[in-house]
Amino acid sequence: MKKRILIRFKKNTIDKPIVYRLAKDYDLIFNILRAHVYPKAESIMVLEIEGEEENFERGMEYLKSKNLQIEPIEQDITRDENKCVHCGICTSVCATEALFIDRMKKMRVGFDYEKCVACELCVKVCPVKAMNVYFD
């Protein structure tokens, strides 16, 4: 199973090895999609977590036991094909190469959703606002 979650840290929980424990104790694979971590202040981290369902559930219980607020995130990045002018600006900020120039199709921008980690950088740079983010 694979899910994206938002973890809210209170200022007294920020110094604990939370992510390390998810990997070591619960055999979960994680990808940090976004993090805003501040000393002595509330912080957030967005993780994509993958693993066996039982391990995932145990990992979530562990997080809750540490007084962390867990919120599931259903977020999708989409491209409006009618708006996209295939300028390629989005490809320059896409670290995972989910957005790329397809040289076989007349230099058009391609989008590989499976590689996308929803960092939203493409949404910010798209001059015609063809890239959108949706939360469920």
N, C-alpha and C. Protein backbone atom coordinates (compact mmCIF):
# COMPACT_ATOMS: atom_id res chain seq x y z
N MET A 1 0.85 -1.18 0.00
CA MET A 1 0.00 0.00 0.00
C MET A 1 0.88 1.23 0.00
N LYS A 2 0.37 2.30 -0.57
CA LYS A 2 1.11 3.56 -0.66
C LYS A 2 0.15 4.70 -0.39
N LYS A 3 0.53 5.58 0.54
CA LYS A 3 -0.32 6.71 0.89
C LYS A 3 0.53 7.94 1.15
N ARG A 4 -0.11 9.08 1.01
CA ARG A 4 0.52 10.35 1.37
C ARG A 4 -0.15 10.86 2.62
N ILE A 5 0.67 11.32 3.57
CA ILE A 5 0.13 11.83 4.82
C ILE A 5 0.81 13.15 5.18
N LEU A 6 0.10 13.94 5.95
CA LEU A 6 0.64 15.15 6.53
C LEU A 6 0.80 14.89 8.02
N ILE A 7 1.99 15.17 8.54
CA ILE A 7 2.25 15.03 9.98
C ILE A 7 2.43 16.42 10.55
N ARG A 8 1.66 16.74 11.57
CA ARG A 8 1.82 18.02 12.27
C ARG A 8 2.54 17.75 13.59
N PHE A 9 3.68 18.41 13.73
CA PHE A 9 4.49 18.28 14.94
C PHE A 9 4.19 19.46 15.86
N LYS A 10 4.01 19.16 17.13
CA LYS A 10 3.92 20.24 18.12
C LYS A 10 5.35 20.62 18.50
N LYS A 11 5.51 21.77 19.08
CA LYS A 11 6.87 22.24 19.34
C LYS A 11 7.66 21.34 20.29
N ASN A 12 7.00 20.54 21.07
CA ASN A 12 7.74 19.64 21.98
C ASN A 12 7.98 18.25 21.38
N THR A 13 7.58 18.01 20.14
CA THR A 13 7.80 16.69 19.52
C THR A 13 8.77 16.74 18.34
N ILE A 14 9.29 17.89 18.01
CA ILE A 14 10.09 18.04 16.80
C ILE A 14 11.45 17.35 16.90
N ASP A 15 11.95 17.10 18.08
CA ASP A 15 13.30 16.54 18.23
C ASP A 15 13.32 15.01 18.32
N LYS A 16 12.23 14.35 17.97
CA LYS A 16 12.17 12.89 18.04
C LYS A 16 12.44 12.28 16.66
N PRO A 17 13.08 11.11 16.60
CA PRO A 17 13.43 10.46 15.31
C PRO A 17 12.24 9.71 14.71
N ILE A 18 11.20 10.43 14.37
CA ILE A 18 9.94 9.85 13.90
C ILE A 18 10.12 9.05 12.61
N VAL A 19 10.69 9.66 11.59
CA VAL A 19 10.82 9.02 10.29
C VAL A 19 11.75 7.81 10.36
N TYR A 20 12.80 7.93 11.12
CA TYR A 20 13.72 6.82 11.32
C TYR A 20 12.98 5.60 11.88
N ARG A 21 12.13 5.82 12.85
CA ARG A 21 11.39 4.72 13.47
C ARG A 21 10.41 4.07 12.47
N LEU A 22 9.80 4.86 11.59
CA LEU A 22 8.90 4.29 10.60
C LEU A 22 9.64 3.31 9.70
N ALA A 23 10.86 3.66 9.33
CA ALA A 23 11.66 2.79 8.46
C ALA A 23 12.19 1.59 9.22
N LYS A 24 12.80 1.82 10.36
CA LYS A 24 13.48 0.76 11.10
C LYS A 24 12.51 -0.21 11.78
N ASP A 25 11.56 0.32 12.51
CA ASP A 25 10.68 -0.53 13.33
C ASP A 25 9.47 -1.08 12.57
N TYR A 26 9.03 -0.37 11.53
CA TYR A 26 7.81 -0.78 10.84
C TYR A 26 8.03 -1.13 9.37
N ASP A 27 9.29 -1.14 8.95
CA ASP A 27 9.66 -1.55 7.60
C ASP A 27 8.89 -0.78 6.53
N LEU A 28 8.75 0.52 6.74
CA LEU A 28 8.05 1.37 5.79
C LEU A 28 9.05 2.18 4.96
N ILE A 29 8.76 2.32 3.70
CA ILE A 29 9.58 3.13 2.81
C ILE A 29 8.92 4.49 2.72
N PHE A 30 9.71 5.54 2.84
CA PHE A 30 9.12 6.87 2.82
C PHE A 30 9.86 7.79 1.87
N ASN A 31 9.14 8.78 1.40
CA ASN A 31 9.69 9.84 0.58
C ASN A 31 9.16 11.14 1.17
N ILE A 32 10.05 12.03 1.57
CA ILE A 32 9.63 13.32 2.13
C ILE A 32 9.31 14.23 0.96
N LEU A 33 8.05 14.58 0.81
CA LEU A 33 7.61 15.43 -0.29
C LEU A 33 7.75 16.91 0.04
N ARG A 34 7.53 17.23 1.29
CA ARG A 34 7.63 18.62 1.73
C ARG A 34 7.83 18.62 3.23
N ALA A 35 8.60 19.57 3.72
CA ALA A 35 8.80 19.70 5.16
C ALA A 35 9.04 21.16 5.51
N HIS A 36 8.36 21.59 6.54
CA HIS A 36 8.58 22.92 7.12
C HIS A 36 8.82 22.64 8.61
N VAL A 37 10.09 22.58 8.97
CA VAL A 37 10.46 22.21 10.33
C VAL A 37 11.16 23.39 10.98
N TYR A 38 10.65 23.79 12.13
CA TYR A 38 11.18 24.94 12.83
C TYR A 38 11.49 24.56 14.28
N PRO A 39 12.63 25.01 14.81
CA PRO A 39 12.93 24.71 16.21
C PRO A 39 11.97 25.46 17.13
N LYS A 40 11.48 24.77 18.11
CA LYS A 40 10.59 25.35 19.12
C LYS A 40 9.32 25.97 18.54
N ALA A 41 8.83 25.38 17.44
CA ALA A 41 7.59 25.87 16.84
C ALA A 41 6.87 24.70 16.19
N GLU A 42 5.59 24.87 15.94
CA GLU A 42 4.85 23.82 15.24
C GLU A 42 5.40 23.67 13.83
N SER A 43 5.46 22.43 13.36
CA SER A 43 6.04 22.13 12.06
C SER A 43 5.19 21.10 11.34
N ILE A 44 5.42 20.96 10.02
CA ILE A 44 4.70 19.96 9.25
C ILE A 44 5.67 19.20 8.34
N MET A 45 5.26 17.99 8.00
CA MET A 45 6.01 17.18 7.06
C MET A 45 5.00 16.39 6.23
N VAL A 46 5.20 16.39 4.92
CA VAL A 46 4.36 15.60 4.03
C VAL A 46 5.19 14.42 3.55
N LEU A 47 4.69 13.22 3.80
CA LEU A 47 5.39 11.99 3.45
C LEU A 47 4.55 11.14 2.52
N GLU A 48 5.22 10.48 1.61
CA GLU A 48 4.60 9.39 0.87
C GLU A 48 5.17 8.13 1.50
N ILE A 49 4.30 7.28 2.01
CA ILE A 49 4.74 6.09 2.74
C ILE A 49 4.24 4.85 2.02
N GLU A 50 5.12 3.87 1.92
CA GLU A 50 4.80 2.63 1.22
C GLU A 50 5.22 1.44 2.08
N GLY A 51 4.38 0.42 2.09
CA GLY A 51 4.71 -0.80 2.83
C GLY A 51 3.50 -1.71 2.95
N GLU A 52 3.70 -2.80 3.64
CA GLU A 52 2.59 -3.74 3.87
C GLU A 52 1.52 -3.04 4.71
N GLU A 53 0.27 -3.37 4.45
CA GLU A 53 -0.84 -2.69 5.12
C GLU A 53 -0.75 -2.81 6.64
N GLU A 54 -0.41 -3.99 7.14
CA GLU A 54 -0.29 -4.18 8.59
C GLU A 54 0.79 -3.27 9.17
N ASN A 55 1.94 -3.20 8.50
CA ASN A 55 3.03 -2.34 8.97
C ASN A 55 2.63 -0.87 8.91
N PHE A 56 1.91 -0.51 7.86
CA PHE A 56 1.44 0.86 7.73
C PHE A 56 0.53 1.23 8.90
N GLU A 57 -0.42 0.38 9.20
CA GLU A 57 -1.35 0.65 10.31
C GLU A 57 -0.61 0.75 11.64
N ARG A 58 0.35 -0.14 11.85
CA ARG A 58 1.14 -0.08 13.09
C ARG A 58 1.98 1.20 13.15
N GLY A 59 2.52 1.61 12.00
CA GLY A 59 3.29 2.85 11.94
C GLY A 59 2.43 4.07 12.26
N MET A 60 1.21 4.08 11.76
CA MET A 60 0.31 5.20 12.05
C MET A 60 -0.06 5.25 13.53
N GLU A 61 -0.26 4.07 14.13
CA GLU A 61 -0.54 4.02 15.57
C GLU A 61 0.66 4.54 16.36
N TYR A 62 1.85 4.21 15.92
CA TYR A 62 3.07 4.72 16.57
C TYR A 62 3.08 6.25 16.54
N LEU A 63 2.80 6.83 15.36
CA LEU A 63 2.80 8.29 15.23
C LEU A 63 1.78 8.92 16.16
N LYS A 64 0.60 8.33 16.22
CA LYS A 64 -0.45 8.86 17.10
C LYS A 64 -0.04 8.76 18.57
N SER A 65 0.68 7.69 18.91
CA SER A 65 1.13 7.51 20.30
C SER A 65 2.15 8.57 20.69
N LYS A 66 2.79 9.19 19.71
CA LYS A 66 3.77 10.25 19.98
C LYS A 66 3.13 11.62 19.98
N ASN A 67 1.81 11.65 20.03
CA ASN A 67 1.05 12.89 20.10
C ASN A 67 1.22 13.75 18.85
N LEU A 68 1.30 13.09 17.70
CA LEU A 68 1.40 13.80 16.42
C LEU A 68 0.04 13.76 15.74
N GLN A 69 -0.28 14.81 15.04
CA GLN A 69 -1.53 14.86 14.29
C GLN A 69 -1.25 14.34 12.88
N ILE A 70 -1.97 13.31 12.47
CA ILE A 70 -1.80 12.69 11.16
C ILE A 70 -3.03 12.97 10.31
N GLU A 71 -2.79 13.44 9.08
CA GLU A 71 -3.89 13.70 8.16
C GLU A 71 -3.56 13.04 6.83
N PRO A 72 -4.48 12.23 6.31
CA PRO A 72 -4.24 11.67 4.98
C PRO A 72 -4.34 12.78 3.94
N ILE A 73 -3.53 12.67 2.91
CA ILE A 73 -3.57 13.66 1.83
C ILE A 73 -3.84 12.92 0.54
N GLU A 74 -4.85 13.35 -0.12
CA GLU A 74 -5.12 12.88 -1.47
C GLU A 74 -4.91 14.10 -2.35
N GLN A 75 -3.81 14.11 -3.05
CA GLN A 75 -3.43 15.27 -3.84
C GLN A 75 -3.02 14.81 -5.23
N ASP A 76 -3.48 15.48 -6.20
CA ASP A 76 -3.11 15.16 -7.56
C ASP A 76 -2.68 16.41 -8.29
N ILE A 77 -1.63 16.26 -9.09
CA ILE A 77 -1.21 17.31 -10.00
C ILE A 77 -1.75 16.92 -11.37
N THR A 78 -2.42 17.83 -12.02
CA THR A 78 -2.95 17.56 -13.36
C THR A 78 -2.53 18.68 -14.30
N ARG A 79 -2.57 18.37 -15.57
CA ARG A 79 -2.27 19.37 -16.59
C ARG A 79 -3.48 19.52 -17.50
N ASP A 80 -3.88 20.77 -17.70
CA ASP A 80 -4.98 21.07 -18.61
C ASP A 80 -4.40 21.15 -20.02
N GLU A 81 -4.66 20.14 -20.82
CA GLU A 81 -4.11 20.06 -22.18
C GLU A 81 -4.59 21.22 -23.05
N ASN A 82 -5.75 21.78 -22.75
CA ASN A 82 -6.26 22.90 -23.55
C ASN A 82 -5.51 24.20 -23.27
N LYS A 83 -4.95 24.32 -22.06
CA LYS A 83 -4.20 25.53 -21.70
C LYS A 83 -2.71 25.42 -22.02
N CYS A 84 -2.16 24.22 -21.95
CA CYS A 84 -0.72 24.02 -22.09
C CYS A 84 -0.25 24.45 -23.49
N VAL A 85 0.79 25.29 -23.52
CA VAL A 85 1.37 25.75 -24.79
C VAL A 85 2.71 25.05 -25.06
N HIS A 86 3.08 24.09 -24.21
CA HIS A 86 4.28 23.29 -24.37
C HIS A 86 5.55 24.14 -24.43
N CYS A 87 5.61 25.14 -23.55
CA CYS A 87 6.78 26.02 -23.50
C CYS A 87 7.97 25.33 -22.84
N GLY A 88 7.71 24.35 -21.97
CA GLY A 88 8.78 23.60 -21.34
C GLY A 88 9.32 24.17 -20.05
N ILE A 89 8.79 25.28 -19.58
CA ILE A 89 9.29 25.87 -18.33
C ILE A 89 9.14 24.90 -17.17
N CYS A 90 8.05 24.19 -17.13
CA CYS A 90 7.81 23.23 -16.04
C CYS A 90 8.88 22.14 -15.99
N THR A 91 9.42 21.77 -17.14
CA THR A 91 10.42 20.69 -17.17
C THR A 91 11.71 21.12 -16.49
N SER A 92 11.97 22.43 -16.47
CA SER A 92 13.22 22.90 -15.86
C SER A 92 13.20 22.84 -14.34
N VAL A 93 12.02 22.76 -13.72
CA VAL A 93 11.94 22.70 -12.26
C VAL A 93 11.56 21.32 -11.73
N CYS A 94 11.30 20.39 -12.64
CA CYS A 94 10.84 19.06 -12.23
C CYS A 94 12.03 18.15 -11.94
N ALA A 95 12.35 18.01 -10.66
CA ALA A 95 13.52 17.22 -10.25
C ALA A 95 13.37 15.73 -10.54
N THR A 96 12.15 15.23 -10.55
CA THR A 96 11.93 13.79 -10.77
C THR A 96 11.77 13.45 -12.25
N GLU A 97 11.77 14.46 -13.09
CA GLU A 97 11.57 14.31 -14.53
C GLU A 97 10.21 13.71 -14.89
N ALA A 98 9.22 13.99 -14.04
CA ALA A 98 7.85 13.61 -14.36
C ALA A 98 7.34 14.43 -15.54
N LEU A 99 7.82 15.65 -15.64
CA LEU A 99 7.54 16.51 -16.79
C LEU A 99 8.80 16.53 -17.65
N PHE A 100 8.63 16.31 -18.92
CA PHE A 100 9.78 16.17 -19.82
C PHE A 100 9.40 16.61 -21.22
N ILE A 101 10.40 16.91 -22.03
CA ILE A 101 10.16 17.25 -23.43
C ILE A 101 10.20 15.95 -24.23
N ASP A 102 9.10 15.63 -24.89
CA ASP A 102 9.03 14.45 -25.73
C ASP A 102 9.46 14.84 -27.14
N ARG A 103 10.69 14.55 -27.45
CA ARG A 103 11.28 14.97 -28.72
C ARG A 103 10.72 14.19 -29.92
N MET A 104 10.08 13.05 -29.65
CA MET A 104 9.48 12.25 -30.72
C MET A 104 8.12 12.80 -31.14
N LYS A 105 7.52 13.60 -30.29
CA LYS A 105 6.18 14.15 -30.59
C LYS A 105 6.26 15.66 -30.79
N LYS A 106 7.14 16.08 -31.68
CA LYS A 106 7.24 17.49 -32.07
C LYS A 106 7.52 18.41 -30.88
N MET A 107 8.42 17.97 -29.99
CA MET A 107 8.86 18.81 -28.88
C MET A 107 7.72 19.21 -27.95
N ARG A 108 6.88 18.28 -27.63
CA ARG A 108 5.75 18.55 -26.73
C ARG A 108 6.13 18.12 -25.32
N VAL A 109 5.53 18.76 -24.34
CA VAL A 109 5.76 18.41 -22.94
C VAL A 109 4.98 17.16 -22.62
N GLY A 110 5.67 16.17 -22.05
CA GLY A 110 5.03 14.95 -21.58
C GLY A 110 4.94 14.96 -20.07
N PHE A 111 4.03 14.17 -19.53
CA PHE A 111 3.83 14.10 -18.08
C PHE A 111 3.68 12.66 -17.65
N ASP A 112 4.61 12.18 -16.83
CA ASP A 112 4.59 10.82 -16.28
C ASP A 112 4.11 10.91 -14.84
N TYR A 113 2.82 10.69 -14.64
CA TYR A 113 2.20 10.84 -13.32
C TYR A 113 2.87 9.96 -12.26
N GLU A 114 3.34 8.79 -12.65
CA GLU A 114 3.96 7.86 -11.69
C GLU A 114 5.22 8.44 -11.07
N LYS A 115 5.93 9.30 -11.77
CA LYS A 115 7.16 9.90 -11.24
C LYS A 115 6.89 11.15 -10.41
N CYS A 116 5.70 11.70 -10.51
CA CYS A 116 5.35 12.95 -9.83
C CYS A 116 5.28 12.76 -8.32
N VAL A 117 5.93 13.66 -7.56
CA VAL A 117 5.87 13.62 -6.10
C VAL A 117 5.07 14.79 -5.54
N ALA A 118 4.34 15.48 -6.39
CA ALA A 118 3.44 16.57 -5.99
C ALA A 118 4.15 17.68 -5.22
N CYS A 119 5.34 18.05 -5.68
CA CYS A 119 6.07 19.14 -5.02
C CYS A 119 5.47 20.50 -5.36
N GLU A 120 4.69 20.56 -6.40
CA GLU A 120 3.96 21.76 -6.84
C GLU A 120 4.82 22.84 -7.47
N LEU A 121 6.09 22.57 -7.73
CA LEU A 121 6.93 23.59 -8.36
C LEU A 121 6.44 23.94 -9.76
N CYS A 122 5.95 22.94 -10.49
CA CYS A 122 5.43 23.18 -11.84
C CYS A 122 4.21 24.09 -11.81
N VAL A 123 3.40 23.97 -10.79
CA VAL A 123 2.20 24.79 -10.66
C VAL A 123 2.61 26.26 -10.52
N LYS A 124 3.67 26.50 -9.76
CA LYS A 124 4.11 27.87 -9.51
C LYS A 124 4.72 28.53 -10.74
N VAL A 125 5.41 27.75 -11.59
CA VAL A 125 6.12 28.38 -12.72
C VAL A 125 5.33 28.40 -14.03
N CYS A 126 4.25 27.67 -14.12
CA CYS A 126 3.51 27.59 -15.38
C CYS A 126 2.90 28.95 -15.73
N PRO A 127 3.35 29.57 -16.84
CA PRO A 127 2.87 30.91 -17.17
C PRO A 127 1.40 30.96 -17.60
N VAL A 128 0.87 29.85 -18.09
CA VAL A 128 -0.53 29.85 -18.54
C VAL A 128 -1.45 29.12 -17.56
N LYS A 129 -0.90 28.74 -16.42
CA LYS A 129 -1.66 28.05 -15.35
C LYS A 129 -2.31 26.76 -15.84
N ALA A 130 -1.55 26.00 -16.64
CA ALA A 130 -2.06 24.72 -17.12
C ALA A 130 -1.89 23.62 -16.08
N MET A 131 -0.96 23.80 -15.15
CA MET A 131 -0.73 22.81 -14.10
C MET A 131 -1.58 23.17 -12.88
N ASN A 132 -2.26 22.18 -12.32
CA ASN A 132 -3.15 22.41 -11.18
C ASN A 132 -2.92 21.36 -10.12
N VAL A 133 -3.20 21.72 -8.89
CA VAL A 133 -3.13 20.76 -7.79
C VAL A 133 -4.52 20.64 -7.18
N TYR A 134 -4.92 19.39 -6.93
CA TYR A 134 -6.23 19.10 -6.34
C TYR A 134 -6.05 18.29 -5.08
N PHE A 135 -6.75 18.66 -4.04
CA PHE A 135 -6.78 17.91 -2.79
C PHE A 135 -8.15 17.27 -2.66
N ASP A 136 -8.20 15.98 -2.30
CA ASP A 136 -9.47 15.32 -2.06
C ASP A 136 -9.80 15.37 -0.60
